[in-house]
Amino acid sequence: MNQRTTGASVSLGLLILRVVLGITFLVHGLQKHNVWTIDGTAANFDQMGVPSPELAAQIATYLEIVGGAALILGLLSRLAGLLLALDMAGAIFFVHGSAGFYASEGGYEFVLLLGAAALALFFTGPGRLAVGGALQDRRGWSVLA
């Protein structure tokens, strides 16, 4: 495989990862906002022992909505990836870690995967098939990647 083909494959792989991960976070954030409501999410967080559940519910909800949309677009992907990875680290630490690995038993399997994928995008950036990726080569615009 030549360098051009490899670059195209990497960009396509990052596009798939970003969009699927972004949709997952966006839908979970919308669920917290529209289905469970912020107050319901806060009550749930309180039951699970999350500190400052009212604030944590708002942060998690809006971070997942805005961060998910950012990943889908490929705009501010590195920042979104880092913040979403930290969000998932909190979910593991405060909620899922004590339940073991398997998601079917309330464990950290799913949130670990989401956090690792978000962290991978923090390190790689969005790829060329992204709003931020298209601007990456322009002087001063790389911060949007």
C-alpha atoms as a PDB file:
ATOM      1  CA  MET A   1       0.000   0.000   0.000  1.00  0.00           C
ATOM      2  CA  ASN A   2       1.356   3.401  -0.859  1.00  0.00           C
ATOM      3  CA  GLN A   3       1.270   6.446   1.424  1.00  0.00           C
ATOM      4  CA  ARG A   4      -1.688   7.998  -0.407  1.00  0.00           C
ATOM      5  CA  THR A   5      -3.817   4.863  -0.015  1.00  0.00           C
ATOM      6  CA  THR A   6      -2.816   4.534   3.634  1.00  0.00           C
ATOM      7  CA  GLY A   7      -3.776   8.158   4.326  1.00  0.00           C
ATOM      8  CA  ALA A   8      -7.163   7.664   2.695  1.00  0.00           C
ATOM      9  CA  SER A   9      -7.758   4.478   4.701  1.00  0.00           C
ATOM     10  CA  VAL A  10      -6.828   6.186   7.959  1.00  0.00           C
ATOM     11  CA  SER A  11      -9.094   9.144   7.196  1.00  0.00           C
ATOM     12  CA  LEU A  12     -11.985   6.818   6.352  1.00  0.00           C
ATOM     13  CA  GLY A  13     -11.396   4.806   9.525  1.00  0.00           C
ATOM     14  CA  LEU A  14     -11.361   7.979  11.634  1.00  0.00           C
ATOM     15  CA  LEU A  15     -14.542   9.190   9.925  1.00  0.00           C
ATOM     16  CA  ILE A  16     -16.358   5.963  10.807  1.00  0.00           C
ATOM     17  CA  LEU A  17     -15.058   6.055  14.397  1.00  0.00           C
ATOM     18  CA  ARG A  18     -15.944   9.726  14.872  1.00  0.00           C
ATOM     19  CA  VAL A  19     -19.443   9.517  13.452  1.00  0.00           C
ATOM     20  CA  VAL A  20     -20.481   6.330  15.255  1.00  0.00           C
ATOM     21  CA  LEU A  21     -18.975   7.490  18.555  1.00  0.00           C
ATOM     22  CA  GLY A  22     -20.482  10.944  18.111  1.00  0.00           C
ATOM     23  CA  ILE A  23     -23.940   9.523  17.429  1.00  0.00           C
ATOM     24  CA  THR A  24     -23.662   7.304  20.508  1.00  0.00           C
ATOM     25  CA  PHE A  25     -22.734  10.203  22.784  1.00  0.00           C
ATOM     26  CA  LEU A  26     -25.287  12.550  21.206  1.00  0.00           C
ATOM     27  CA  VAL A  27     -28.145  10.069  21.623  1.00  0.00           C
ATOM     28  CA  HIS A  28     -27.177   9.311  25.237  1.00  0.00           C
ATOM     29  CA  GLY A  29     -27.035  13.042  25.998  1.00  0.00           C
ATOM     30  CA  LEU A  30     -30.432  13.597  24.376  1.00  0.00           C
ATOM     31  CA  GLN A  31     -31.818  10.687  26.415  1.00  0.00           C
ATOM     32  CA  LYS A  32     -30.611  12.373  29.616  1.00  0.00           C
ATOM     33  CA  HIS A  33     -32.127  15.672  28.514  1.00  0.00           C
ATOM     34  CA  ASN A  34     -35.406  14.662  26.850  1.00  0.00           C
ATOM     35  CA  VAL A  35     -36.367  11.276  28.299  1.00  0.00           C
ATOM     36  CA  TRP A  36     -34.965  11.175  31.824  1.00  0.00           C
ATOM     37  CA  THR A  37     -34.784  15.007  32.154  1.00  0.00           C
ATOM     38  CA  ILE A  38     -31.929  16.754  33.922  1.00  0.00           C
ATOM     39  CA  ASP A  39     -33.722  16.427  37.277  1.00  0.00           C
ATOM     40  CA  GLY A  40     -34.326  12.712  36.726  1.00  0.00           C
ATOM     41  CA  THR A  41     -30.713  12.198  35.696  1.00  0.00           C
ATOM     42  CA  ALA A  42     -29.573  14.103  38.799  1.00  0.00           C
ATOM     43  CA  ALA A  43     -31.787  11.930  41.009  1.00  0.00           C
ATOM     44  CA  ASN A  44     -30.343   8.822  39.369  1.00  0.00           C
ATOM     45  CA  PHE A  45     -26.783  10.143  39.830  1.00  0.00           C
ATOM     46  CA  ASP A  46     -27.577  10.876  43.488  1.00  0.00           C
ATOM     47  CA  GLN A  47     -28.789   7.294  44.005  1.00  0.00           C
ATOM     48  CA  MET A  48     -25.565   5.998  42.455  1.00  0.00           C
ATOM     49  CA  GLY A  49     -23.420   8.153  44.737  1.00  0.00           C
ATOM     50  CA  VAL A  50     -22.140  10.612  42.131  1.00  0.00           C
ATOM     51  CA  PRO A  51     -20.904  13.763  43.911  1.00  0.00           C
ATOM     52  CA  SER A  52     -22.782  17.013  43.185  1.00  0.00           C
ATOM     53  CA  PRO A  53     -25.417  15.095  41.205  1.00  0.00           C
ATOM     54  CA  GLU A  54     -27.296  18.187  39.968  1.00  0.00           C
ATOM     55  CA  LEU A  55     -24.141  19.725  38.504  1.00  0.00           C
ATOM     56  CA  ALA A  56     -22.818  16.365  37.273  1.00  0.00           C
ATOM     57  CA  ALA A  57     -26.114  15.663  35.477  1.00  0.00           C
ATOM     58  CA  GLN A  58     -25.970  18.987  33.641  1.00  0.00           C
ATOM     59  CA  ILE A  59     -22.302  18.594  32.728  1.00  0.00           C
ATOM     60  CA  ALA A  60     -22.711  15.004  31.510  1.00  0.00           C
ATOM     61  CA  THR A  61     -25.867  15.798  29.547  1.00  0.00           C
ATOM     62  CA  TYR A  62     -24.596  18.846  27.713  1.00  0.00           C
ATOM     63  CA  LEU A  63     -21.097  17.461  27.247  1.00  0.00           C
ATOM     64  CA  GLU A  64     -22.517  14.357  25.584  1.00  0.00           C
ATOM     65  CA  ILE A  65     -24.808  16.424  23.329  1.00  0.00           C
ATOM     66  CA  VAL A  66     -22.260  19.051  22.300  1.00  0.00           C
ATOM     67  CA  GLY A  67     -19.291  16.661  22.331  1.00  0.00           C
ATOM     68  CA  GLY A  68     -21.199  14.101  20.270  1.00  0.00           C
ATOM     69  CA  ALA A  69     -22.116  16.734  17.687  1.00  0.00           C
ATOM     70  CA  ALA A  70     -18.504  17.964  17.615  1.00  0.00           C
ATOM     71  CA  LEU A  71     -17.269  14.445  16.903  1.00  0.00           C
ATOM     72  CA  ILE A  72     -19.815  13.922  14.130  1.00  0.00           C
ATOM     73  CA  LEU A  73     -18.716  17.137  12.440  1.00  0.00           C
ATOM     74  CA  GLY A  74     -15.065  16.677  13.230  1.00  0.00           C
ATOM     75  CA  LEU A  75     -14.865  20.123  14.772  1.00  0.00           C
ATOM     76  CA  LEU A  76     -12.934  20.546  18.040  1.00  0.00           C
ATOM     77  CA  SER A  77     -12.629  16.749  18.000  1.00  0.00           C
ATOM     78  CA  ARG A  78      -9.520  16.602  20.163  1.00  0.00           C
ATOM     79  CA  LEU A  79     -11.089  18.693  22.907  1.00  0.00           C
ATOM     80  CA  ALA A  80     -14.375  16.784  22.672  1.00  0.00           C
ATOM     81  CA  GLY A  81     -12.495  13.471  22.769  1.00  0.00           C
ATOM     82  CA  LEU A  82     -10.571  14.451  25.893  1.00  0.00           C
ATOM     83  CA  LEU A  83     -13.628  15.757  27.748  1.00  0.00           C
ATOM     84  CA  LEU A  84     -15.765  12.760  26.799  1.00  0.00           C
ATOM     85  CA  ALA A  85     -12.974  10.384  27.888  1.00  0.00           C
ATOM     86  CA  LEU A  86     -12.885  12.155  31.266  1.00  0.00           C
ATOM     87  CA  ASP A  87     -16.690  11.874  31.449  1.00  0.00           C
ATOM     88  CA  MET A  88     -16.423   8.116  30.912  1.00  0.00           C
ATOM     89  CA  ALA A  89     -13.584   7.844  33.456  1.00  0.00           C
ATOM     90  CA  GLY A  90     -15.942   9.444  35.976  1.00  0.00           C
ATOM     91  CA  ALA A  91     -18.686   6.979  35.037  1.00  0.00           C
ATOM     92  CA  ILE A  92     -16.291   4.098  35.628  1.00  0.00           C
ATOM     93  CA  PHE A  93     -14.945   5.510  38.890  1.00  0.00           C
ATOM     94  CA  PHE A  94     -18.249   6.558  40.463  1.00  0.00           C
ATOM     95  CA  VAL A  95     -20.722   4.051  39.029  1.00  0.00           C
ATOM     96  CA  HIS A  96     -19.616   1.087  36.936  1.00  0.00           C
ATOM     97  CA  GLY A  97     -16.203   0.094  38.300  1.00  0.00           C
ATOM     98  CA  SER A  98     -17.464  -1.773  41.326  1.00  0.00           C
ATOM     99  CA  ALA A  99     -19.862  -3.893  39.222  1.00  0.00           C
ATOM    100  CA  GLY A 100     -17.088  -5.646  37.325  1.00  0.00           C
ATOM    101  CA  PHE A 101     -16.447  -5.744  33.598  1.00  0.00           C
ATOM    102  CA  TYR A 102     -19.655  -6.882  31.918  1.00  0.00           C
ATOM    103  CA  ALA A 103     -22.183  -4.230  30.894  1.00  0.00           C
ATOM    104  CA  SER A 104     -25.006  -6.756  31.302  1.00  0.00           C
ATOM    105  CA  GLU A 105     -24.210  -6.721  35.025  1.00  0.00           C
ATOM    106  CA  GLY A 106     -23.858  -2.926  35.232  1.00  0.00           C
ATOM    107  CA  GLY A 107     -20.103  -3.089  34.707  1.00  0.00           C
ATOM    108  CA  TYR A 108     -17.691  -0.795  32.923  1.00  0.00           C
ATOM    109  CA  GLU A 109     -17.379  -2.662  29.586  1.00  0.00           C
ATOM    110  CA  PHE A 110     -19.378  -0.156  27.489  1.00  0.00           C
ATOM    111  CA  VAL A 111     -18.146   3.056  29.141  1.00  0.00           C
ATOM    112  CA  LEU A 112     -14.542   1.806  28.910  1.00  0.00           C
ATOM    113  CA  LEU A 113     -14.961   1.294  25.172  1.00  0.00           C
ATOM    114  CA  LEU A 114     -16.538   4.732  24.722  1.00  0.00           C
ATOM    115  CA  GLY A 115     -13.829   6.392  26.802  1.00  0.00           C
ATOM    116  CA  ALA A 116     -10.993   4.626  24.988  1.00  0.00           C
ATOM    117  CA  ALA A 117     -12.428   5.531  21.577  1.00  0.00           C
ATOM    118  CA  ALA A 118     -12.842   9.166  22.648  1.00  0.00           C
ATOM    119  CA  LEU A 119      -9.284   9.225  23.980  1.00  0.00           C
ATOM    120  CA  ALA A 120      -8.011   7.734  20.708  1.00  0.00           C
ATOM    121  CA  LEU A 121      -9.631  10.636  18.838  1.00  0.00           C
ATOM    122  CA  PHE A 122      -7.961  13.057  21.226  1.00  0.00           C
ATOM    123  CA  PHE A 123      -4.590  11.636  20.200  1.00  0.00           C
ATOM    124  CA  THR A 124      -5.265  11.180  16.469  1.00  0.00           C
ATOM    125  CA  GLY A 125      -7.475  14.135  15.655  1.00  0.00           C
ATOM    126  CA  PRO A 126     -10.469  13.876  13.338  1.00  0.00           C
ATOM    127  CA  GLY A 127      -8.731  12.936  10.097  1.00  0.00           C
ATOM    128  CA  ARG A 128      -9.034  14.756   6.785  1.00  0.00           C
ATOM    129  CA  LEU A 129     -12.710  13.847   6.255  1.00  0.00           C
ATOM    130  CA  ALA A 130     -13.861  16.316   8.902  1.00  0.00           C
ATOM    131  CA  VAL A 131     -14.619  20.017   9.122  1.00  0.00           C
ATOM    132  CA  GLY A 132     -11.626  20.489  11.419  1.00  0.00           C
ATOM    133  CA  GLY A 133      -9.487  18.120   9.368  1.00  0.00           C
ATOM    134  CA  ALA A 134     -10.128  20.098   6.194  1.00  0.00           C
ATOM    135  CA  LEU A 135      -8.962  23.249   7.965  1.00  0.00           C
ATOM    136  CA  GLN A 136      -5.968  21.562   9.593  1.00  0.00           C
ATOM    137  CA  ASP A 137      -3.443  22.604   6.943  1.00  0.00           C
ATOM    138  CA  ARG A 138      -4.493  26.241   6.996  1.00  0.00           C
ATOM    139  CA  ARG A 139      -2.368  28.463   9.179  1.00  0.00           C
ATOM    140  CA  GLY A 140      -3.991  29.074  12.565  1.00  0.00           C
ATOM    141  CA  TRP A 141      -6.940  26.745  11.983  1.00  0.00           C
ATOM    142  CA  SER A 142      -5.460  23.535  13.410  1.00  0.00           C
ATOM    143  CA  VAL A 143      -7.010  24.309  16.786  1.00  0.00           C
ATOM    144  CA  LEU A 144     -10.408  23.444  15.279  1.00  0.00           C
ATOM    145  CA  ALA A 145      -9.373  19.874  14.459  1.00  0.00           C
END
